[in-house]
């Protein structure tokens, strides 16, 4: 549970930093994203999810010694 809470905290930090440092650019980015086709967003989301899972798998020693 401690690791889970640390991960959630880190996600919130990473997600919040762009809004804190560049609010006007984030508004522009949200406008651009809202105009994208749903399939592009789904594909990007799936790719990021798979990449994140692969990173966690490898970081946790999923392949033993590389």
N, C-alpha and C. Protein backbone atom coordinates (compact mmCIF):
# COMPACT_ATOMS: atom_id res chain seq x y z
N UNK A 1 0.82 -1.19 0.00
CA UNK A 1 0.00 0.00 0.00
C UNK A 1 0.87 1.26 0.00
N UNK A 2 1.98 1.20 0.71
CA UNK A 2 2.88 2.35 0.77
C UNK A 2 3.43 2.67 -0.63
N UNK A 3 3.83 1.63 -1.36
CA UNK A 3 4.34 1.83 -2.73
C UNK A 3 3.25 2.40 -3.62
N UNK A 4 2.05 1.88 -3.49
CA UNK A 4 0.92 2.36 -4.30
C UNK A 4 0.67 3.85 -4.07
N UNK A 5 0.67 4.27 -2.82
CA UNK A 5 0.45 5.67 -2.50
C UNK A 5 1.59 6.55 -3.01
N UNK A 6 2.83 6.04 -2.97
CA UNK A 6 3.96 6.79 -3.52
C UNK A 6 3.80 6.95 -5.03
N UNK A 7 3.37 5.90 -5.70
CA UNK A 7 3.18 5.96 -7.15
C UNK A 7 2.07 6.96 -7.50
N UNK A 8 0.96 6.93 -6.76
CA UNK A 8 -0.12 7.87 -7.01
C UNK A 8 0.37 9.31 -6.79
N UNK A 9 1.14 9.52 -5.74
CA UNK A 9 1.70 10.85 -5.49
C UNK A 9 2.60 11.33 -6.62
N UNK A 10 3.44 10.44 -7.13
CA UNK A 10 4.33 10.80 -8.23
C UNK A 10 3.54 11.11 -9.50
N UNK A 11 2.49 10.35 -9.76
CA UNK A 11 1.64 10.61 -10.92
C UNK A 11 1.01 11.99 -10.81
N UNK A 12 0.52 12.34 -9.65
CA UNK A 12 -0.09 13.65 -9.44
C UNK A 12 0.93 14.78 -9.64
N UNK A 13 2.16 14.56 -9.19
CA UNK A 13 3.20 15.57 -9.38
C UNK A 13 3.48 15.75 -10.87
N UNK A 14 3.69 14.65 -11.57
CA UNK A 14 4.01 14.71 -13.01
C UNK A 14 2.85 15.30 -13.80
N UNK A 15 1.62 14.94 -13.44
CA UNK A 15 0.45 15.47 -14.14
C UNK A 15 0.21 16.95 -13.83
N UNK A 16 0.53 17.38 -12.63
CA UNK A 16 0.24 18.75 -12.23
C UNK A 16 1.28 19.77 -12.65
N UNK A 17 2.52 19.34 -12.83
CA UNK A 17 3.59 20.28 -13.17
C UNK A 17 3.33 21.09 -14.44
N UNK A 18 2.90 20.50 -15.54
CA UNK A 18 2.67 21.32 -16.74
C UNK A 18 1.60 22.40 -16.53
N UNK A 19 0.56 22.08 -15.77
CA UNK A 19 -0.50 23.06 -15.52
C UNK A 19 0.01 24.20 -14.65
N UNK A 20 0.90 23.88 -13.71
CA UNK A 20 1.47 24.89 -12.83
C UNK A 20 2.45 25.79 -13.57
N UNK A 21 3.30 25.17 -14.41
CA UNK A 21 4.37 25.94 -15.04
C UNK A 21 3.96 26.61 -16.35
N UNK A 22 3.05 26.00 -17.11
CA UNK A 22 2.66 26.54 -18.42
C UNK A 22 1.14 26.50 -18.61
N UNK A 23 0.36 27.23 -17.81
CA UNK A 23 -1.09 27.10 -17.91
C UNK A 23 -1.64 27.50 -19.28
N UNK A 24 -1.08 28.54 -19.90
CA UNK A 24 -1.62 28.97 -21.20
C UNK A 24 -1.32 27.94 -22.29
N UNK A 25 -0.15 27.31 -22.23
CA UNK A 25 0.17 26.25 -23.20
C UNK A 25 -0.71 25.02 -22.99
N UNK A 26 -1.05 24.72 -21.74
CA UNK A 26 -1.91 23.57 -21.47
C UNK A 26 -3.32 23.81 -22.01
N UNK A 27 -3.80 25.06 -21.91
CA UNK A 27 -5.11 25.37 -22.49
C UNK A 27 -5.10 25.15 -24.00
N UNK A 28 -4.01 25.59 -24.63
CA UNK A 28 -3.87 25.39 -26.07
C UNK A 28 -3.80 23.91 -26.42
N UNK A 29 -3.04 23.15 -25.63
CA UNK A 29 -2.94 21.71 -25.85
C UNK A 29 -4.29 21.03 -25.70
N UNK A 30 -5.07 21.43 -24.71
CA UNK A 30 -6.40 20.84 -24.51
C UNK A 30 -7.31 21.13 -25.70
N UNK A 31 -7.17 22.33 -26.26
CA UNK A 31 -7.97 22.68 -27.44
C UNK A 31 -7.60 21.77 -28.62
N UNK A 32 -6.29 21.58 -28.82
CA UNK A 32 -5.82 20.74 -29.92
C UNK A 32 -6.26 19.29 -29.70
N UNK A 33 -6.14 18.80 -28.49
CA UNK A 33 -6.53 17.42 -28.19
C UNK A 33 -8.03 17.23 -28.40
N UNK A 34 -8.83 18.20 -28.00
CA UNK A 34 -10.27 18.06 -28.14
C UNK A 34 -10.71 18.01 -29.60
N UNK A 35 -9.86 18.50 -30.52
CA UNK A 35 -10.18 18.48 -31.94
C UNK A 35 -9.71 17.20 -32.63
N UNK A 36 -8.97 16.34 -31.93
CA UNK A 36 -8.44 15.12 -32.54
C UNK A 36 -9.54 14.07 -32.68
N UNK A 37 -9.35 13.19 -33.66
CA UNK A 37 -10.26 12.07 -33.88
C UNK A 37 -10.16 11.10 -32.70
N UNK A 38 -11.28 10.49 -32.33
CA UNK A 38 -11.30 9.56 -31.19
C UNK A 38 -10.33 8.39 -31.38
N UNK A 39 -10.21 7.89 -32.60
CA UNK A 39 -9.33 6.75 -32.84
C UNK A 39 -7.87 7.09 -32.59
N UNK A 40 -7.47 8.30 -32.92
CA UNK A 40 -6.09 8.74 -32.66
C UNK A 40 -5.84 8.78 -31.15
N UNK A 41 -6.81 9.31 -30.40
CA UNK A 41 -6.65 9.38 -28.95
C UNK A 41 -6.62 7.98 -28.33
N UNK A 42 -7.47 7.07 -28.82
CA UNK A 42 -7.48 5.70 -28.30
C UNK A 42 -6.16 5.00 -28.59
N UNK A 43 -5.65 5.18 -29.80
CA UNK A 43 -4.38 4.55 -30.17
C UNK A 43 -3.24 5.10 -29.32
N UNK A 44 -3.19 6.41 -29.13
CA UNK A 44 -2.15 7.01 -28.29
C UNK A 44 -2.28 6.53 -26.85
N UNK A 45 -3.50 6.46 -26.34
CA UNK A 45 -3.72 5.98 -24.98
C UNK A 45 -3.31 4.53 -24.79
N UNK A 46 -3.63 3.69 -25.77
CA UNK A 46 -3.23 2.28 -25.70
C UNK A 46 -1.72 2.14 -25.76
N UNK A 47 -1.07 2.92 -26.63
CA UNK A 47 0.38 2.85 -26.74
C UNK A 47 1.05 3.29 -25.45
N UNK A 48 0.56 4.37 -24.84
CA UNK A 48 1.14 4.84 -23.57
C UNK A 48 0.91 3.83 -22.46
N UNK A 49 -0.26 3.21 -22.44
CA UNK A 49 -0.55 2.20 -21.42
C UNK A 49 0.39 1.01 -21.56
N UNK A 50 0.56 0.51 -22.78
CA UNK A 50 1.45 -0.63 -23.01
C UNK A 50 2.90 -0.28 -22.69
N UNK A 51 3.33 0.92 -23.05
CA UNK A 51 4.68 1.35 -22.74
C UNK A 51 4.88 1.43 -21.22
N UNK A 52 3.92 2.00 -20.54
CA UNK A 52 3.99 2.09 -19.08
C UNK A 52 4.05 0.72 -18.43
N UNK A 53 3.23 -0.21 -18.91
CA UNK A 53 3.25 -1.57 -18.37
C UNK A 53 4.59 -2.25 -18.63
N UNK A 54 5.15 -2.02 -19.81
CA UNK A 54 6.46 -2.61 -20.13
C UNK A 54 7.55 -2.04 -19.22
N UNK A 55 7.52 -0.75 -18.98
CA UNK A 55 8.51 -0.12 -18.11
C UNK A 55 8.40 -0.68 -16.69
N UNK A 56 7.19 -0.78 -16.18
CA UNK A 56 7.00 -1.33 -14.83
C UNK A 56 7.46 -2.78 -14.78
N UNK A 57 7.12 -3.56 -15.80
CA UNK A 57 7.52 -4.97 -15.86
C UNK A 57 9.04 -5.10 -15.82
N UNK A 58 9.71 -4.32 -16.66
CA UNK A 58 11.17 -4.39 -16.71
C UNK A 58 11.81 -3.85 -15.43
N UNK A 59 11.26 -2.77 -14.88
CA UNK A 59 11.81 -2.18 -13.66
C UNK A 59 11.67 -3.12 -12.47
N UNK A 60 10.63 -3.92 -12.48
CA UNK A 60 10.41 -4.86 -11.38
C UNK A 60 11.14 -6.18 -11.59
N UNK A 61 12.04 -6.22 -12.60
CA UNK A 61 12.85 -7.43 -12.83
C UNK A 61 12.09 -8.50 -13.58
N UNK A 62 11.18 -8.13 -14.44
CA UNK A 62 10.35 -9.09 -15.16
C UNK A 62 11.13 -10.06 -16.03
N UNK A 63 12.29 -9.70 -16.49
CA UNK A 63 13.08 -10.59 -17.34
C UNK A 63 14.29 -11.14 -16.61
N UNK A 64 14.30 -11.01 -15.31
CA UNK A 64 15.46 -11.46 -14.55
C UNK A 64 16.66 -10.57 -14.84
N UNK A 65 17.79 -11.17 -15.09
CA UNK A 65 18.98 -10.39 -15.47
C UNK A 65 18.98 -10.18 -16.96
N UNK A 66 19.09 -8.94 -17.39
CA UNK A 66 19.05 -8.68 -18.83
C UNK A 66 20.43 -8.89 -19.34
